[in-house]
PDB file of all heavy atoms in Angstrom:
ATOM      1  N   GLN A   1     -52.896  91.186 383.658  1.00  0.00           N
ATOM      2  CA  GLN A   1     -52.053  91.970 384.555  1.00  0.00           C
ATOM      3  C   GLN A   1     -50.818  91.176 384.993  1.00  0.00           C
ATOM      4  O   GLN A   1     -49.741  91.750 385.164  1.00  0.00           O
ATOM      5  CB  GLN A   1     -52.857  92.405 385.781  1.00  0.00           C
ATOM      6  CG  GLN A   1     -53.957  93.398 385.465  1.00  0.00           C
ATOM      7  CD  GLN A   1     -54.540  94.018 386.714  1.00  0.00           C
ATOM      8  OE1 GLN A   1     -53.878  94.781 387.414  1.00  0.00           O
ATOM      9  NE2 GLN A   1     -55.792  93.699 387.001  1.00  0.00           N
ATOM     10  N   SER A   2     -50.991  89.888 385.168  1.00  0.00           N
ATOM     11  CA  SER A   2     -49.838  89.058 385.558  1.00  0.00           C
ATOM     12  C   SER A   2     -48.767  89.077 384.469  1.00  0.00           C
ATOM     13  O   SER A   2     -47.563  89.039 384.768  1.00  0.00           O
ATOM     14  CB  SER A   2     -50.287  87.623 385.831  1.00  0.00           C
ATOM     15  OG  SER A   2     -51.018  87.104 384.722  1.00  0.00           O
ATOM     16  N   ASP A   3     -49.192  89.162 383.206  1.00  0.00           N
ATOM     17  CA  ASP A   3     -48.237  89.269 382.102  1.00  0.00           C
ATOM     18  C   ASP A   3     -47.492  90.602 382.160  1.00  0.00           C
ATOM     19  O   ASP A   3     -46.303  90.685 381.824  1.00  0.00           O
ATOM     20  CB  ASP A   3     -48.950  89.147 380.754  1.00  0.00           C
ATOM     21  CG  ASP A   3     -49.553  87.773 380.527  1.00  0.00           C
ATOM     22  OD1 ASP A   3     -49.047  86.804 381.123  1.00  0.00           O
ATOM     23  OD2 ASP A   3     -50.532  87.673 379.768  1.00  0.00           O
ATOM     24  N   ALA A   4     -48.200  91.655 382.567  1.00  0.00           N
ATOM     25  CA  ALA A   4     -47.571  92.970 382.680  1.00  0.00           C
ATOM     26  C   ALA A   4     -46.450  92.939 383.722  1.00  0.00           C
ATOM     27  O   ALA A   4     -45.369  93.520 383.509  1.00  0.00           O
ATOM     28  CB  ALA A   4     -48.620  94.017 383.046  1.00  0.00           C
ATOM     29  N   LEU A   5     -46.690  92.260 384.825  1.00  0.00           N
ATOM     30  CA  LEU A   5     -45.644  92.115 385.842  1.00  0.00           C
ATOM     31  C   LEU A   5     -44.435  91.361 385.290  1.00  0.00           C
ATOM     32  O   LEU A   5     -43.278  91.731 385.546  1.00  0.00           O
ATOM     33  CB  LEU A   5     -46.193  91.375 387.069  1.00  0.00           C
ATOM     34  CG  LEU A   5     -46.961  92.196 388.093  1.00  0.00           C
ATOM     35  CD1 LEU A   5     -47.573  91.278 389.141  1.00  0.00           C
ATOM     36  CD2 LEU A   5     -46.061  93.230 388.758  1.00  0.00           C
ATOM     37  N   MET A   6     -44.691  90.307 384.527  1.00  0.00           N
ATOM     38  CA  MET A   6     -43.590  89.527 383.953  1.00  0.00           C
ATOM     39  C   MET A   6     -42.759  90.357 382.987  1.00  0.00           C
ATOM     40  O   MET A   6     -41.535  90.202 382.916  1.00  0.00           O
ATOM     41  CB  MET A   6     -44.141  88.279 383.251  1.00  0.00           C
ATOM     42  CG  MET A   6     -44.619  87.202 384.209  1.00  0.00           C
ATOM     43  SD  MET A   6     -44.960  85.607 383.397  1.00  0.00           S
ATOM     44  CE  MET A   6     -46.484  85.991 382.544  1.00  0.00           C
ATOM     45  N   GLU A   7     -43.409  91.253 382.251  1.00  0.00           N
ATOM     46  CA  GLU A   7     -42.679  92.124 381.328  1.00  0.00           C
ATOM     47  C   GLU A   7     -41.713  93.033 382.082  1.00  0.00           C
ATOM     48  O   GLU A   7     -40.577  93.264 381.649  1.00  0.00           O
ATOM     49  CB  GLU A   7     -43.655  92.960 380.502  1.00  0.00           C
ATOM     50  CG  GLU A   7     -44.524  92.180 379.542  1.00  0.00           C
ATOM     51  CD  GLU A   7     -43.738  91.556 378.407  1.00  0.00           C
ATOM     52  OE1 GLU A   7     -42.680  92.084 378.036  1.00  0.00           O
ATOM     53  OE2 GLU A   7     -44.191  90.512 377.882  1.00  0.00           O
ATOM     54  N   VAL A   8     -42.158  93.556 383.211  1.00  0.00           N
ATOM     55  CA  VAL A   8     -41.283  94.411 384.030  1.00  0.00           C
ATOM     56  C   VAL A   8     -40.128  93.590 384.590  1.00  0.00           C
ATOM     57  O   VAL A   8     -38.961  94.005 384.544  1.00  0.00           O
ATOM     58  CB  VAL A   8     -42.062  95.072 385.185  1.00  0.00           C
ATOM     59  CG1 VAL A   8     -41.125  95.951 386.018  1.00  0.00           C
ATOM     60  CG2 VAL A   8     -43.216  95.902 384.651  1.00  0.00           C
ATOM     61  N   ALA A   9     -40.437  92.406 385.109  1.00  0.00           N
ATOM     62  CA  ALA A   9     -39.399  91.553 385.698  1.00  0.00           C
ATOM     63  C   ALA A   9     -38.356  91.134 384.667  1.00  0.00           C
ATOM     64  O   ALA A   9     -37.170  91.003 384.990  1.00  0.00           O
ATOM     65  CB  ALA A   9     -40.039  90.318 386.326  1.00  0.00           C
ATOM     66  N   SER A  10     -38.783  90.958 383.420  1.00  0.00           N
ATOM     67  CA  SER A  10     -37.846  90.544 382.367  1.00  0.00           C
ATOM     68  C   SER A  10     -36.999  91.700 381.850  1.00  0.00           C
ATOM     69  O   SER A  10     -36.011  91.491 381.152  1.00  0.00           O
ATOM     70  CB  SER A  10     -38.627  89.936 381.196  1.00  0.00           C
ATOM     71  OG  SER A  10     -39.339  90.932 380.486  1.00  0.00           O
ATOM     72  N   GLY A  11     -37.409  92.924 382.158  1.00  0.00           N
ATOM     73  CA  GLY A  11     -36.664  94.090 381.700  1.00  0.00           C
ATOM     74  C   GLY A  11     -37.078  94.600 380.336  1.00  0.00           C
ATOM     75  O   GLY A  11     -36.470  95.529 379.801  1.00  0.00           O
ATOM     76  N   SER A  12     -38.151  94.039 379.756  1.00  0.00           N
ATOM     77  CA  SER A  12     -38.583  94.483 378.431  1.00  0.00           C
ATOM     78  C   SER A  12     -39.280  95.843 378.475  1.00  0.00           C
ATOM     79  O   SER A  12     -39.373  96.539 377.461  1.00  0.00           O
ATOM     80  CB  SER A  12     -39.509  93.443 377.799  1.00  0.00           C
ATOM     81  OG  SER A  12     -40.694  93.312 378.551  1.00  0.00           O
ATOM     82  N   VAL A  13     -39.794  96.213 379.653  1.00  0.00           N
ATOM     83  CA  VAL A  13     -40.363  97.547 379.867  1.00  0.00           C
ATOM     84  C   VAL A  13     -39.875  98.060 381.219  1.00  0.00           C
ATOM     85  O   VAL A  13     -39.372  97.290 382.051  1.00  0.00           O
ATOM     86  CB  VAL A  13     -41.908  97.532 379.849  1.00  0.00           C
ATOM     87  CG1 VAL A  13     -42.435  97.142 378.475  1.00  0.00           C
ATOM     88  CG2 VAL A  13     -42.461  96.607 380.921  1.00  0.00           C
ATOM     89  N   ASP A  14     -40.037  99.358 381.424  1.00  0.00           N
ATOM     90  CA  ASP A  14     -39.580  99.957 382.689  1.00  0.00           C
ATOM     91  C   ASP A  14     -40.572  99.729 383.825  1.00  0.00           C
ATOM     92  O   ASP A  14     -40.168  99.623 384.993  1.00  0.00           O
ATOM     93  CB  ASP A  14     -39.397 101.474 382.518  1.00  0.00           C
ATOM     94  CG  ASP A  14     -38.361 101.829 381.476  1.00  0.00           C
ATOM     95  OD1 ASP A  14     -37.294 101.195 381.466  1.00  0.00           O
ATOM     96  OD2 ASP A  14     -38.627 102.742 380.664  1.00  0.00           O
ATOM     97  N   ALA A  15     -41.849  99.699 383.494  1.00  0.00           N
ATOM     98  CA  ALA A  15     -42.873  99.656 384.539  1.00  0.00           C
ATOM     99  C   ALA A  15     -44.164  99.083 383.973  1.00  0.00           C
ATOM    100  O   ALA A  15     -44.299  98.870 382.765  1.00  0.00           O
ATOM    101  CB  ALA A  15     -43.123 101.074 385.078  1.00  0.00           C
ATOM    102  N   CYS A  16     -45.113  98.838 384.855  1.00  0.00           N
ATOM    103  CA  CYS A  16     -46.459  98.438 384.432  1.00  0.00           C
ATOM    104  C   CYS A  16     -47.467  99.163 385.299  1.00  0.00           C
ATOM    105  O   CYS A  16     -47.138  99.672 386.380  1.00  0.00           O
ATOM    106  CB  CYS A  16     -46.649  96.926 384.523  1.00  0.00           C
ATOM    107  SG  CYS A  16     -46.597  96.233 386.191  1.00  0.00           S
ATOM    108  N   VAL A  17     -48.702  99.220 384.808  1.00  0.00           N
ATOM    109  CA  VAL A  17     -49.801  99.791 385.588  1.00  0.00           C
ATOM    110  C   VAL A  17     -50.788  98.660 385.850  1.00  0.00           C
ATOM    111  O   VAL A  17     -51.339  98.079 384.916  1.00  0.00           O
ATOM    112  CB  VAL A  17     -50.490 100.950 384.836  1.00  0.00           C
ATOM    113  CG1 VAL A  17     -51.665 101.475 385.658  1.00  0.00           C
ATOM    114  CG2 VAL A  17     -49.491 102.069 384.570  1.00  0.00           C
ATOM    115  N   ILE A  18     -50.988  98.347 387.129  1.00  0.00           N
ATOM    116  CA  ILE A  18     -51.871  97.252 387.534  1.00  0.00           C
ATOM    117  C   ILE A  18     -52.690  97.680 388.749  1.00  0.00           C
ATOM    118  O   ILE A  18     -52.450  98.739 389.336  1.00  0.00           O
ATOM    119  CB  ILE A  18     -51.092  95.961 387.865  1.00  0.00           C
ATOM    120  CG1 ILE A  18     -50.141  96.183 389.047  1.00  0.00           C
ATOM    121  CG2 ILE A  18     -50.330  95.457 386.649  1.00  0.00           C
ATOM    122  CD1 ILE A  18     -49.467  94.913 389.543  1.00  0.00           C
ATOM    123  N   ASP A  19     -53.626  96.844 389.148  1.00  0.00           N
ATOM    124  CA  ASP A  19     -54.431  97.107 390.345  1.00  0.00           C
ATOM    125  C   ASP A  19     -53.565  97.005 391.593  1.00  0.00           C
ATOM    126  O   ASP A  19     -52.710  96.115 391.699  1.00  0.00           O
ATOM    127  CB  ASP A  19     -55.575  96.099 390.447  1.00  0.00           C
ATOM    128  CG  ASP A  19     -56.630  96.308 389.377  1.00  0.00           C
ATOM    129  OD1 ASP A  19     -56.318  96.918 388.348  1.00  0.00           O
ATOM    130  OD2 ASP A  19     -57.760  95.844 389.584  1.00  0.00           O
ATOM    131  N   ILE A  20     -53.835  97.865 392.555  1.00  0.00           N
ATOM    132  CA  ILE A  20     -53.064  97.846 393.797  1.00  0.00           C
ATOM    133  C   ILE A  20     -53.273  96.537 394.555  1.00  0.00           C
ATOM    134  O   ILE A  20     -52.387  96.076 395.276  1.00  0.00           O
ATOM    135  CB  ILE A  20     -53.419  99.058 394.691  1.00  0.00           C
ATOM    136  CG1 ILE A  20     -52.360  99.224 395.797  1.00  0.00           C
ATOM    137  CG2 ILE A  20     -54.823  98.944 395.261  1.00  0.00           C
ATOM    138  CD1 ILE A  20     -52.503 100.519 396.571  1.00  0.00           C
ATOM    139  N   THR A  21     -54.456  95.914 394.378  1.00  0.00           N
ATOM    140  CA  THR A  21     -54.694  94.633 395.053  1.00  0.00           C
ATOM    141  C   THR A  21     -53.688  93.581 394.591  1.00  0.00           C
ATOM    142  O   THR A  21     -53.145  92.830 395.399  1.00  0.00           O
ATOM    143  CB  THR A  21     -56.127  94.149 394.778  1.00  0.00           C
ATOM    144  OG1 THR A  21     -56.403  94.250 393.379  1.00  0.00           O
ATOM    145  CG2 THR A  21     -57.141  94.978 395.539  1.00  0.00           C
ATOM    146  N   MET A  22     -53.428  93.532 393.285  1.00  0.00           N
ATOM    147  CA  MET A  22     -52.434  92.601 392.770  1.00  0.00           C
ATOM    148  C   MET A  22     -51.026  93.035 393.166  1.00  0.00           C
ATOM    149  O   MET A  22     -50.192  92.201 393.549  1.00  0.00           O
ATOM    150  CB  MET A  22     -52.521  92.479 391.255  1.00  0.00           C
ATOM    151  CG  MET A  22     -51.401  91.610 390.652  1.00  0.00           C
ATOM    152  SD  MET A  22     -51.510  91.358 388.863  1.00  0.00           S
ATOM    153  CE  MET A  22     -52.630  89.964 388.818  1.00  0.00           C
ATOM    154  N   ALA A  23     -50.750  94.313 393.080  1.00  0.00           N
ATOM    155  CA  ALA A  23     -49.420  94.811 393.426  1.00  0.00           C
ATOM    156  C   ALA A  23     -49.061  94.477 394.878  1.00  0.00           C
ATOM    157  O   ALA A  23     -47.940  94.053 395.170  1.00  0.00           O
ATOM    158  CB  ALA A  23     -49.347  96.314 393.203  1.00  0.00           C
ATOM    159  N   ASN A  24     -50.021  94.645 395.790  1.00  0.00           N
ATOM    160  CA  ASN A  24     -49.769  94.331 397.200  1.00  0.00           C
ATOM    161  C   ASN A  24     -49.535  92.847 397.415  1.00  0.00           C
ATOM    162  O   ASN A  24     -48.734  92.444 398.277  1.00  0.00           O
ATOM    163  CB  ASN A  24     -50.948  94.788 398.059  1.00  0.00           C
ATOM    164  CG  ASN A  24     -51.000  96.288 398.226  1.00  0.00           C
ATOM    165  OD1 ASN A  24     -49.976  96.980 398.103  1.00  0.00           O
ATOM    166  ND2 ASN A  24     -52.170  96.823 398.504  1.00  0.00           N
ATOM    167  N   ALA A  25     -50.247  92.016 396.641  1.00  0.00           N
ATOM    168  CA  ALA A  25     -50.151  90.570 396.825  1.00  0.00           C
ATOM    169  C   ALA A  25     -48.910  89.963 396.180  1.00  0.00           C
ATOM    170  O   ALA A  25     -48.398  88.946 396.654  1.00  0.00           O
ATOM    171  CB  ALA A  25     -51.401  89.893 396.263  1.00  0.00           C
ATOM    172  N   MET A  26     -48.400  90.586 395.098  1.00  0.00           N
ATOM    173  CA  MET A  26     -47.393  89.917 394.289  1.00  0.00           C
ATOM    174  C   MET A  26     -46.045  90.624 394.200  1.00  0.00           C
ATOM    175  O   MET A  26     -45.136  90.127 393.534  1.00  0.00           O
ATOM    176  CB  MET A  26     -47.937  89.697 392.873  1.00  0.00           C
ATOM    177  CG  MET A  26     -49.139  88.771 392.833  1.00  0.00           C
ATOM    178  SD  MET A  26     -49.633  88.304 391.154  1.00  0.00           S
ATOM    179  CE  MET A  26     -48.230  87.303 390.626  1.00  0.00           C
ATOM    180  N   THR A  27     -45.904  91.790 394.844  1.00  0.00           N
ATOM    181  CA  THR A  27     -44.613  92.481 394.803  1.00  0.00           C
ATOM    182  C   THR A  27     -44.114  92.769 396.210  1.00  0.00           C
ATOM    183  O   THR A  27     -44.888  92.844 397.156  1.00  0.00           O
ATOM    184  CB  THR A  27     -44.705  93.804 394.012  1.00  0.00           C
ATOM    185  OG1 THR A  27     -45.520  94.740 394.736  1.00  0.00           O
ATOM    186  CG2 THR A  27     -45.290  93.584 392.632  1.00  0.00           C
ATOM    187  N   GLY A  28     -42.794  92.937 396.319  1.00  0.00           N
ATOM    188  CA  GLY A  28     -42.196  93.227 397.615  1.00  0.00           C
ATOM    189  C   GLY A  28     -41.664  91.987 398.301  1.00  0.00           C
ATOM    190  O   GLY A  28     -41.794  90.858 397.812  1.00  0.00           O
ATOM    191  N   GLU A  29     -41.064  92.185 399.425  1.00  0.00           N
ATOM    192  CA  GLU A  29     -40.405  91.099 400.165  1.00  0.00           C
ATOM    193  C   GLU A  29     -41.351  89.939 400.443  1.00  0.00           C
ATOM    194  O   GLU A  29     -42.478  90.113 400.877  1.00  0.00           O
ATOM    195  CB  GLU A  29     -39.866  91.657 401.489  1.00  0.00           C
ATOM    196  CG  GLU A  29     -39.023  90.662 402.282  1.00  0.00           C
ATOM    197  CD  GLU A  29     -38.439  91.269 403.541  1.00  0.00           C
ATOM    198  OE1 GLU A  29     -38.540  92.497 403.709  1.00  0.00           O
ATOM    199  OE2 GLU A  29     -37.883  90.505 404.358  1.00  0.00           O
ATOM    200  N   GLY A  30     -40.864  88.721 400.167  1.00  0.00           N
ATOM    201  CA  GLY A  30     -41.631  87.517 400.436  1.00  0.00           C
ATOM    202  C   GLY A  30     -42.660  87.171 399.383  1.00  0.00           C
ATOM    203  O   GLY A  30     -43.463  86.254 399.576  1.00  0.00           O
ATOM    204  N   THR A  31     -42.625  87.868 398.237  1.00  0.00           N
ATOM    205  CA  THR A  31     -43.606  87.610 397.179  1.00  0.00           C
ATOM    206  C   THR A  31     -42.912  87.067 395.934  1.00  0.00           C
ATOM    207  O   THR A  31     -41.692  86.895 395.905  1.00  0.00           O
ATOM    208  CB  THR A  31     -44.367  88.895 396.794  1.00  0.00           C
ATOM    209  OG1 THR A  31     -43.448  89.792 396.123  1.00  0.00           O
ATOM    210  CG2 THR A  31     -44.937  89.582 398.015  1.00  0.00           C
ATOM    211  N   SER A  32     -43.710  86.839 394.889  1.00  0.00           N
ATOM    212  CA  SER A  32     -43.167  86.328 393.628  1.00  0.00           C
ATOM    213  C   SER A  32     -42.236  87.320 392.941  1.00  0.00           C
ATOM    214  O   SER A  32     -41.372  86.933 392.161  1.00  0.00           O
ATOM    215  CB  SER A  32     -44.320  85.971 392.678  1.00  0.00           C
ATOM    216  OG  SER A  32     -45.181  85.028 393.256  1.00  0.00           O
ATOM    217  N   TYR A  33     -42.442  88.607 393.220  1.00  0.00           N
ATOM    218  CA  TYR A  33     -41.629  89.661 392.598  1.00  0.00           C
ATOM    219  C   TYR A  33     -41.043  90.542 393.696  1.00  0.00           C
ATOM    220  O   TYR A  33     -41.405  91.711 393.861  1.00  0.00           O
ATOM    221  CB  TYR A  33     -42.475  90.482 391.628  1.00  0.00           C
ATOM    222  CG  TYR A  33     -42.998  89.689 390.456  1.00  0.00           C
ATOM    223  CD1 TYR A  33     -44.282  89.142 390.479  1.00  0.00           C
ATOM    224  CD2 TYR A  33     -42.209  89.465 389.335  1.00  0.00           C
ATOM    225  CE1 TYR A  33     -44.755  88.401 389.408  1.00  0.00           C
ATOM    226  CE2 TYR A  33     -42.674  88.725 388.259  1.00  0.00           C
ATOM    227  CZ  TYR A  33     -43.955  88.194 388.315  1.00  0.00           C
ATOM    228  OH  TYR A  33     -44.422  87.454 387.241  1.00  0.00           O
ATOM    229  N   ALA A  34     -40.088  89.966 394.430  1.00  0.00           N
ATOM    230  CA  ALA A  34     -39.503  90.647 395.587  1.00  0.00           C
ATOM    231  C   ALA A  34     -38.756  91.918 395.211  1.00  0.00           C
ATOM    232  O   ALA A  34     -38.623  92.839 396.037  1.00  0.00           O
ATOM    233  CB  ALA A  34     -38.568  89.689 396.320  1.00  0.00           C
TER     234      ALA A  34
END
């Protein structure tokens, strides 16, 4: 799932589907994927 996030951040895909637990922890303000 962490690779899926990196693909979105790099622009190689439009979006990813991951667990909300990871999405809450790793996206948004103050996270690795702000």
